[in-house]
Amino acid sequence: MRFDEIGLNEEIVTAIGYMGFETATPIQEQAIPEILKGKDLIACAQTGTGKTAAFILPVMHNIMAKPSKKLNTLVIVPVRELAIQIDQQIEAFSYGTGVTSLAIYGGGKGEDWAQEKKALSKGVDIVIATPGKLISHMNMGYVDFSEVEHLILDEADRMLDIGFHDDIMKITKALPKNRQSLMFSATFPPKIRKLAKDILNNPDEISIAISKPAAGVLQASYLAHNHQKIKLIYKLISDKPEYESIIIFSSTKKDVSEITRFLKREGIKVEGISSNLDQSQRNEVMKGFRNKNFRVLVATDVISRGIDIKGINLVINYSVPKDAADYVHRIGRTARADSTGVGITLINEDDMYSFSKIEQLIEKEIIKIPPFPELGEGPKWQNNPRKKTGYRPKGGQKSKSGNYRGKRNFKNKKR
């Protein structure tokens, strides 16, 4: 369906037409008419399907139909990078429409607070905020939610994973009860259904290609010991000069630093991004990667969800994510918007259980390749790997996290 057939304001259709957007994606085609009707909605679609436009365009339509000087729409997101990206997309979508927006997130400069305070007290059409920073403003007592008509939770499952449930509930309780609430997510676990029941009012539901990588992703894996992984990555990258944009995901900041240092020593144009960098540094790294100032970006999961970077040729998982759904988000950075790409995962002995859960989730067995011969033999794949379980050391006490603590000078015992 074309955007000019979907019922949006002509000025919006013209603005997005300048950007080359003429035909709606499936999630946009299904969600936009429902949102224009004023219904609450929970929508689930894989990354790269156009979720942001699916909720921003109809909200802009409503704002233009009923202008106000106060805050109209609140978008809650899990990470600052996503807040910045949505704000930039609104700026592009709203060209010539007069719709205003502001991203509010932690890690900014001191002068940002005054601008954020003005927007939250005096009014801006759309605020995109991370929960923690928004609550900091709410605690000061000047935030005006009195005319908020739309609440949007984007990447809702990720916010719950991070631990934002209580913050989300505090924010929603401060909003007018007579509002439209929209929840967008890439996965649909039971905790999302529970949150939807608490926040949404008799919502419609849309689900598209839940928890599956895009069809254009060629997936493969290498069986490699930890000491082989970085050298294996270098071999994969140096062997593929045609891949101009590559993301390497690791679960720890320490690994990001080690991978980045090694590749730089080998002459690869690479930068790393993690929470070790302040926001201005992270912005500069992301800008440089988008502009292809360097070829390889090494990152933690800070950019695995929602961040729209076009033309990613290859995604490498240095470490297997423990949450199977996070694999979909990482791999989803490539093969966006009907393009193609490659997703490669490096698996050591301890990763096999987690990787088998990923294969169950995506309902696909992924080819497993041994390392290059010069790197030595890798671990042997176990068809039915069992999750390793710990034992309770003598004198230890179980912590709230489920780990044992107490006596630390013990040796492993045979079971």
Protein backbone atom coordinates (compact mmCIF):
# COMPACT_ATOMS: atom_id res chain seq x y z
CA MET A 1 0.00 0.00 0.00
CA ARG A 2 1.23 3.50 -0.82
CA PHE A 3 1.45 6.15 1.91
CA ASP A 4 -0.91 8.41 -0.02
CA GLU A 5 -3.55 5.67 0.29
CA ILE A 6 -3.17 5.08 4.01
CA GLY A 7 -4.93 8.21 5.28
CA LEU A 8 -2.01 10.37 6.40
CA ASN A 9 -1.86 14.16 6.16
CA GLU A 10 -0.77 15.28 2.68
CA GLU A 11 2.09 17.36 4.10
CA ILE A 12 3.48 14.26 5.82
CA VAL A 13 3.16 12.20 2.65
CA THR A 14 5.01 14.93 0.74
CA ALA A 15 7.75 15.16 3.38
CA ILE A 16 8.46 11.43 3.44
CA GLY A 17 8.16 11.34 -0.36
CA TYR A 18 11.21 13.61 -0.53
CA MET A 19 13.00 10.91 1.46
CA GLY A 20 12.03 8.27 -1.07
CA PHE A 21 9.32 6.64 1.04
CA GLU A 22 6.29 5.84 -1.10
CA THR A 23 5.22 2.31 -0.15
CA ALA A 24 4.45 1.25 3.42
CA THR A 25 6.10 -1.82 4.96
CA PRO A 26 3.79 -4.51 6.39
CA ILE A 27 4.05 -3.21 9.96
CA GLN A 28 3.34 0.34 8.76
CA GLU A 29 0.43 -0.78 6.60
CA GLN A 30 -1.19 -2.60 9.51
CA ALA A 31 -0.35 -0.26 12.39
CA ILE A 32 -0.90 3.23 10.95
CA PRO A 33 -4.66 2.86 10.25
CA GLU A 34 -5.27 1.42 13.72
CA ILE A 35 -3.34 4.24 15.39
CA LEU A 36 -5.24 6.83 13.34
CA LYS A 37 -8.46 5.32 14.74
CA GLY A 38 -7.21 6.08 18.25
CA LYS A 39 -6.91 2.46 19.37
CA ASP A 40 -4.31 1.16 21.81
CA LEU A 41 -1.93 -1.20 20.10
CA ILE A 42 0.73 -3.78 20.84
CA ALA A 43 2.85 -4.47 17.77
CA CYS A 44 5.60 -7.01 17.36
CA ALA A 45 7.92 -7.04 14.35
CA GLN A 46 11.53 -7.93 13.69
CA THR A 47 14.16 -5.22 13.52
CA GLY A 48 14.52 -3.30 10.27
CA THR A 49 10.85 -3.42 9.32
CA GLY A 50 10.06 0.27 9.88
CA LYS A 51 8.57 0.29 13.38
CA THR A 52 9.57 3.89 14.07
CA ALA A 53 7.68 5.31 11.08
CA ALA A 54 4.75 3.03 11.97
CA PHE A 55 4.12 4.94 15.20
CA ILE A 56 5.63 8.37 14.47
CA LEU A 57 3.76 9.14 11.23
CA PRO A 58 0.19 8.70 12.59
CA VAL A 59 1.13 10.57 15.79
CA MET A 60 2.40 13.46 13.66
CA HIS A 61 -0.88 13.35 11.73
CA ASN A 62 -2.85 13.70 14.97
CA ILE A 63 -0.62 16.52 16.24
CA MET A 64 -1.11 18.49 13.01
CA ALA A 65 -4.88 17.98 13.22
CA LYS A 66 -4.97 19.29 16.80
CA PRO A 67 -2.00 21.57 17.53
CA SER A 68 -1.12 22.33 21.14
CA LYS A 69 1.57 24.31 22.93
CA LYS A 70 2.06 21.57 25.52
CA LEU A 71 3.67 18.14 25.38
CA ASN A 72 1.52 15.87 23.22
CA THR A 73 3.46 12.61 22.78
CA LEU A 74 5.88 10.75 25.03
CA VAL A 75 8.12 8.05 23.54
CA ILE A 76 10.02 5.89 26.05
CA VAL A 77 13.10 3.97 24.82
CA PRO A 78 15.74 1.82 26.56
CA VAL A 79 18.97 3.50 25.41
CA ARG A 80 20.18 6.97 24.50
CA GLU A 81 21.31 5.98 20.99
CA LEU A 82 17.77 4.98 20.10
CA ALA A 83 16.38 8.23 21.55
CA ILE A 84 18.77 10.24 19.39
CA GLN A 85 17.96 8.21 16.29
CA ILE A 86 14.18 8.56 16.68
CA ASP A 87 14.57 12.31 17.22
CA GLN A 88 16.59 12.54 14.02
CA GLN A 89 13.96 10.56 12.13
CA ILE A 90 11.18 12.82 13.39
CA GLU A 91 13.20 15.82 12.23
CA ALA A 92 13.38 14.29 8.76
CA PHE A 93 9.73 13.17 8.68
CA SER A 94 8.45 16.53 9.93
CA TYR A 95 10.18 18.74 7.36
CA GLY A 96 7.73 21.55 6.57
CA THR A 97 5.07 20.29 9.00
CA GLY A 98 5.99 22.33 12.09
CA VAL A 99 6.03 19.28 14.40
CA THR A 100 8.74 19.63 17.08
CA SER A 101 10.62 17.02 19.12
CA LEU A 102 13.41 16.63 21.67
CA ALA A 103 15.48 13.64 22.85
CA ILE A 104 16.08 13.44 26.61
CA TYR A 105 18.70 11.01 27.88
CA GLY A 106 21.49 10.65 30.41
CA GLY A 107 25.13 11.40 29.75
CA GLY A 108 24.55 14.76 28.06
CA LYS A 109 26.10 18.14 28.84
CA GLY A 110 24.99 20.34 31.72
CA GLU A 111 23.37 22.91 29.45
CA ASP A 112 21.09 20.19 28.04
CA TRP A 113 19.18 20.09 31.35
CA ALA A 114 17.81 23.61 30.88
CA GLN A 115 16.59 22.80 27.36
CA GLU A 116 14.99 19.58 28.58
CA LYS A 117 13.33 21.38 31.50
CA LYS A 118 11.85 23.96 29.15
CA ALA A 119 10.48 21.26 26.82
CA LEU A 120 8.92 19.27 29.66
CA SER A 121 7.39 22.28 31.40
CA LYS A 122 6.59 24.73 28.58
CA GLY A 123 5.88 22.20 25.85
CA VAL A 124 7.18 20.44 22.76
CA ASP A 125 5.14 18.16 20.50
CA ILE A 126 7.12 14.95 21.00
CA VAL A 127 9.61 13.95 23.71
CA ILE A 128 11.74 10.83 23.26
CA ALA A 129 13.27 9.85 26.59
CA THR A 130 15.09 7.14 28.48
CA PRO A 131 13.27 6.25 31.73
CA GLY A 132 15.97 7.23 34.22
CA LYS A 133 16.58 10.73 32.87
CA LEU A 134 12.86 11.43 32.53
CA ILE A 135 12.20 10.42 36.14
CA SER A 136 15.04 12.72 37.26
CA HIS A 137 13.09 15.60 35.72
CA MET A 138 9.78 14.35 37.15
CA ASN A 139 11.28 14.34 40.65
CA MET A 140 11.95 18.08 40.31
CA GLY A 141 8.22 18.77 40.11
CA TYR A 142 7.95 20.87 36.94
CA VAL A 143 7.10 18.25 34.30
CA ASP A 144 3.70 18.93 32.68
CA PHE A 145 2.01 15.77 31.38
CA SER A 146 -1.49 17.28 31.51
CA GLU A 147 -2.11 17.18 27.74
CA VAL A 148 -0.22 14.03 26.78
CA GLU A 149 -2.39 12.15 24.29
CA HIS A 150 0.03 9.44 23.14
CA LEU A 151 2.35 7.15 25.11
CA ILE A 152 4.70 4.97 23.06
CA LEU A 153 6.97 2.27 24.49
CA ASP A 154 9.58 1.31 21.91
CA GLU A 155 11.76 -1.79 22.37
CA ALA A 156 9.60 -2.62 25.36
CA ASP A 157 11.11 -6.08 25.86
CA ARG A 158 14.60 -4.57 26.09
CA MET A 159 13.45 -2.08 28.71
CA LEU A 160 12.18 -4.94 30.86
CA ASP A 161 15.43 -6.86 30.35
CA ILE A 162 17.40 -3.86 31.57
CA GLY A 163 15.17 -3.54 34.63
CA PHE A 164 13.02 -0.51 33.80
CA HIS A 165 9.67 -2.03 34.78
CA ASP A 166 9.18 0.07 37.93
CA ASP A 167 10.31 3.23 36.13
CA ILE A 168 7.84 2.58 33.30
CA MET A 169 5.00 2.10 35.77
CA LYS A 170 5.91 5.30 37.63
CA ILE A 171 5.90 7.27 34.37
CA THR A 172 2.62 5.84 33.11
CA LYS A 173 0.84 6.52 36.40
CA ALA A 174 1.76 10.21 36.04
CA LEU A 175 0.10 10.46 32.61
CA PRO A 176 -3.55 11.24 31.85
CA LYS A 177 -5.71 8.13 31.91
CA ASN A 178 -7.51 9.27 28.76
CA ARG A 179 -4.64 8.67 26.32
CA GLN A 180 -3.64 6.36 23.50
CA SER A 181 -0.94 3.86 24.47
CA LEU A 182 1.20 2.02 21.93
CA MET A 183 3.74 -0.70 22.62
CA PHE A 184 6.29 -1.76 20.00
CA SER A 185 8.70 -4.62 20.45
CA ALA A 186 10.84 -7.02 18.44
CA THR A 187 9.95 -10.00 20.64
CA PHE A 188 6.78 -10.97 22.47
CA PRO A 189 7.59 -12.86 25.71
CA PRO A 190 4.98 -13.34 28.47
CA LYS A 191 6.36 -10.40 30.49
CA ILE A 192 5.47 -8.09 27.59
CA ARG A 193 1.89 -9.36 27.60
CA LYS A 194 1.68 -8.68 31.33
CA LEU A 195 3.05 -5.15 30.90
CA ALA A 196 0.59 -4.53 28.08
CA LYS A 197 -2.28 -5.66 30.31
CA ASP A 198 -1.16 -3.17 32.99
CA ILE A 199 -0.73 -0.19 30.66
CA LEU A 200 -2.85 -0.64 27.53
CA ASN A 201 -6.65 -0.51 27.27
CA ASN A 202 -8.16 -3.32 25.20
CA PRO A 203 -5.37 -3.13 22.62
CA ASP A 204 -5.35 -4.45 19.11
CA GLU A 205 -2.45 -6.77 18.38
CA ILE A 206 -0.15 -7.02 15.37
CA SER A 207 2.58 -9.62 15.02
CA ILE A 208 4.92 -9.89 12.05
CA ALA A 209 7.79 -12.36 11.72
CA ILE A 210 8.37 -12.68 15.44
CA SER A 211 11.90 -13.57 16.57
CA LYS A 212 13.31 -14.58 13.19
CA PRO A 213 16.30 -13.04 11.43
CA ALA A 214 15.53 -11.40 8.10
CA ALA A 215 15.41 -13.77 5.14
CA GLY A 216 18.32 -11.94 3.53
CA VAL A 217 20.80 -12.89 6.29
CA LEU A 218 23.19 -15.73 5.44
CA GLN A 219 23.90 -17.28 8.85
CA ALA A 220 26.94 -19.37 9.76
CA SER A 221 29.03 -20.19 12.82
CA TYR A 222 32.62 -21.15 13.62
CA LEU A 223 33.60 -23.52 16.43
CA ALA A 224 36.53 -21.76 18.10
CA HIS A 225 38.28 -21.74 21.46
CA ASN A 226 38.57 -18.35 23.16
CA HIS A 227 42.24 -17.96 22.29
CA GLN A 228 41.40 -18.50 18.60
CA LYS A 229 38.56 -16.01 18.30
CA ILE A 230 40.34 -12.70 17.69
CA LYS A 231 42.71 -14.19 15.12
CA LEU A 232 39.74 -15.87 13.45
CA ILE A 233 37.96 -12.53 13.22
CA TYR A 234 41.01 -10.98 11.58
CA LYS A 235 41.12 -13.81 9.04
CA LEU A 236 37.43 -13.37 8.25
CA ILE A 237 37.72 -9.61 7.83
CA SER A 238 40.98 -9.54 5.86
CA ASP A 239 39.61 -12.23 3.57
CA LYS A 240 36.54 -10.10 2.71
CA PRO A 241 37.73 -6.71 1.39
CA GLU A 242 34.39 -6.24 -0.38
CA TYR A 243 32.67 -5.96 3.04
CA GLU A 244 32.90 -2.22 3.70
CA SER A 245 30.78 -2.04 6.89
CA ILE A 246 31.23 -4.65 9.62
CA ILE A 247 29.94 -4.82 13.20
CA ILE A 248 31.51 -7.13 15.79
CA PHE A 249 29.39 -7.70 18.90
CA SER A 250 30.81 -8.74 22.26
CA SER A 251 29.08 -9.09 25.59
CA THR A 252 31.77 -7.30 27.61
CA LYS A 253 33.55 -3.94 27.48
CA LYS A 254 36.87 -5.70 28.13
CA ASP A 255 36.51 -7.80 24.97
CA VAL A 256 35.57 -4.72 22.94
CA SER A 257 38.85 -3.07 23.98
CA GLU A 258 40.95 -6.17 23.28
CA ILE A 259 39.41 -6.81 19.85
CA THR A 260 39.78 -3.16 18.85
CA ARG A 261 43.44 -2.98 19.92
CA PHE A 262 44.33 -6.21 18.08
CA LEU A 263 42.66 -5.21 14.82
CA LYS A 264 44.27 -1.76 14.90
CA ARG A 265 47.69 -3.38 15.29
CA GLU A 266 46.92 -5.45 12.20
CA GLY A 267 46.13 -2.33 10.16
CA ILE A 268 42.31 -2.59 10.19
CA LYS A 269 40.37 0.69 10.36
CA VAL A 270 38.32 0.02 13.48
CA GLU A 271 36.74 1.78 16.45
CA GLY A 272 35.07 0.46 19.59
CA ILE A 273 31.92 1.64 21.35
CA SER A 274 30.68 0.75 24.83
CA SER A 275 29.45 2.44 28.00
CA ASN A 276 33.08 3.36 28.73
CA LEU A 277 32.63 6.27 26.32
CA ASP A 278 30.66 9.38 27.21
CA GLN A 279 27.74 10.36 25.00
CA SER A 280 29.63 12.85 22.81
CA GLN A 281 32.31 10.22 22.12
CA ARG A 282 29.69 7.61 21.29
CA ASN A 283 27.98 10.04 18.93
CA GLU A 284 31.27 10.70 17.14
CA VAL A 285 31.99 6.98 16.75
CA MET A 286 28.52 6.30 15.35
CA LYS A 287 28.78 9.28 13.00
CA GLY A 288 32.16 8.09 11.75
CA PHE A 289 30.85 4.58 11.13
CA ARG A 290 27.81 5.84 9.24
CA ASN A 291 30.09 8.04 7.12
CA LYS A 292 32.39 5.03 6.48
CA ASN A 293 35.40 6.78 8.03
CA PHE A 294 36.38 3.35 9.31
CA ARG A 295 35.39 -0.14 8.24
CA VAL A 296 34.79 -2.06 11.47
CA LEU A 297 32.79 -1.17 14.59
CA VAL A 298 33.29 -3.31 17.72
CA ALA A 299 30.43 -2.88 20.18
CA THR A 300 28.53 -4.20 23.14
CA ASP A 301 24.76 -4.65 22.88
CA VAL A 302 24.36 -0.89 23.32
CA ILE A 303 23.71 -0.67 19.55
CA SER A 304 22.13 -4.07 18.94
CA ARG A 305 18.52 -2.85 19.08
CA GLY A 306 16.70 -0.27 17.09
CA ILE A 307 19.73 1.54 15.66
CA ASP A 308 19.33 2.08 11.92
CA ILE A 309 22.66 1.89 10.10
CA LYS A 310 22.34 1.19 6.41
CA GLY A 311 24.60 -1.02 4.36
CA ILE A 312 26.00 -3.36 7.04
CA ASN A 313 27.59 -6.24 5.12
CA LEU A 314 28.71 -8.46 7.97
CA VAL A 315 27.83 -8.96 11.65
CA ILE A 316 30.13 -11.11 13.80
CA ASN A 317 29.14 -12.34 17.25
CA TYR A 318 32.43 -12.66 19.13
CA SER A 319 30.42 -14.06 22.03
CA VAL A 320 27.11 -15.90 21.89
CA PRO A 321 24.36 -13.84 23.58
CA LYS A 322 22.82 -15.62 26.57
CA ASP A 323 19.35 -14.39 25.62
CA ALA A 324 18.37 -16.05 22.34
CA ALA A 325 16.28 -13.04 21.31
CA ASP A 326 19.38 -10.82 21.48
CA TYR A 327 20.87 -12.92 18.67
CA VAL A 328 18.02 -11.79 16.42
CA HIS A 329 18.69 -8.16 17.28
CA ARG A 330 22.42 -8.43 16.66
CA ILE A 331 22.03 -10.24 13.35
CA GLY A 332 19.25 -7.80 12.47
CA ARG A 333 21.80 -5.01 11.96
CA THR A 334 22.48 -6.50 8.50
CA ALA A 335 20.08 -7.35 5.65
CA ARG A 336 17.80 -4.43 6.48
CA ALA A 337 15.10 -3.14 4.13
CA ASP A 338 15.17 -6.17 1.81
CA SER A 339 18.96 -6.10 1.39
CA THR A 340 21.29 -9.06 2.06
CA GLY A 341 24.07 -9.62 4.56
CA VAL A 342 26.06 -12.19 6.52
CA GLY A 343 25.84 -13.07 10.22
CA ILE A 344 28.65 -15.16 11.76
CA THR A 345 28.82 -16.41 15.35
CA LEU A 346 31.93 -17.75 17.14
CA ILE A 347 31.10 -20.65 19.48
CA ASN A 348 33.33 -22.04 22.23
CA GLU A 349 32.59 -25.01 24.49
CA ASP A 350 30.59 -22.97 27.00
CA ASP A 351 28.54 -21.27 24.27
CA MET A 352 27.02 -24.44 22.86
CA TYR A 353 24.01 -24.60 25.14
CA SER A 354 23.12 -20.95 24.46
CA PHE A 355 23.57 -21.42 20.72
CA SER A 356 21.32 -24.48 20.71
CA LYS A 357 18.61 -22.34 22.33
CA ILE A 358 19.06 -19.78 19.56
CA GLU A 359 18.55 -22.49 16.94
CA GLN A 360 15.38 -23.58 18.72
CA LEU A 361 14.09 -20.00 18.76
CA ILE A 362 14.71 -19.31 15.07
CA GLU A 363 13.71 -22.88 14.12
CA LYS A 364 16.80 -23.34 12.01
CA GLU A 365 20.05 -25.30 12.31
CA ILE A 366 22.99 -23.05 11.47
CA ILE A 367 26.02 -24.45 9.67
CA LYS A 368 29.04 -24.95 11.95
CA ILE A 369 32.52 -24.54 10.48
CA PRO A 370 35.91 -25.42 12.04
CA PRO A 371 38.55 -22.67 12.35
CA PHE A 372 41.12 -22.09 9.61
CA PRO A 373 43.71 -24.93 9.76
CA GLU A 374 46.56 -22.60 10.74
CA LEU A 375 44.65 -21.65 13.91
CA GLY A 376 44.47 -25.24 15.13
CA GLU A 377 41.50 -27.42 15.97
CA GLY A 378 38.41 -25.95 17.51
CA PRO A 379 35.97 -27.57 19.96
CA LYS A 380 33.71 -30.37 18.76
CA TRP A 381 30.02 -29.54 18.52
CA GLN A 382 27.76 -31.41 20.93
CA ASN A 383 24.39 -32.19 19.39
CA ASN A 384 22.64 -32.13 22.75
CA PRO A 385 24.67 -29.77 24.94
CA ARG A 386 23.49 -29.57 28.51
CA LYS A 387 23.43 -26.38 30.48
CA LYS A 388 26.23 -26.39 33.01
CA THR A 389 25.00 -26.15 36.56
CA GLY A 390 27.07 -25.04 39.50
CA TYR A 391 27.32 -26.64 42.87
CA ARG A 392 27.30 -25.23 46.34
CA PRO A 393 30.81 -25.02 47.82
CA LYS A 394 31.20 -25.95 51.44
CA GLY A 395 30.46 -22.98 53.64
CA GLY A 396 29.08 -20.93 50.78
CA GLN A 397 25.87 -18.95 50.89
CA LYS A 398 23.49 -18.39 48.05
CA SER A 399 23.13 -14.73 47.00
CA LYS A 400 19.99 -13.08 45.66
CA SER A 401 21.33 -13.49 42.12
CA GLY A 402 21.52 -17.25 42.58
CA ASN A 403 25.32 -17.37 42.77
CA TYR A 404 27.17 -18.76 45.75
CA ARG A 405 29.41 -16.65 47.88
CA GLY A 406 31.15 -16.99 51.20
CA LYS A 407 34.21 -19.23 51.23
CA ARG A 408 36.32 -18.56 48.17
CA ASN A 409 39.36 -20.79 48.80
CA PHE A 410 37.85 -24.01 47.55
CA LYS A 411 38.78 -26.36 44.73
CA ASN A 412 36.49 -27.87 42.15
CA LYS A 413 35.11 -31.19 43.25
CA LYS A 414 34.19 -34.11 41.06
CA ARG A 415 30.53 -34.88 40.98
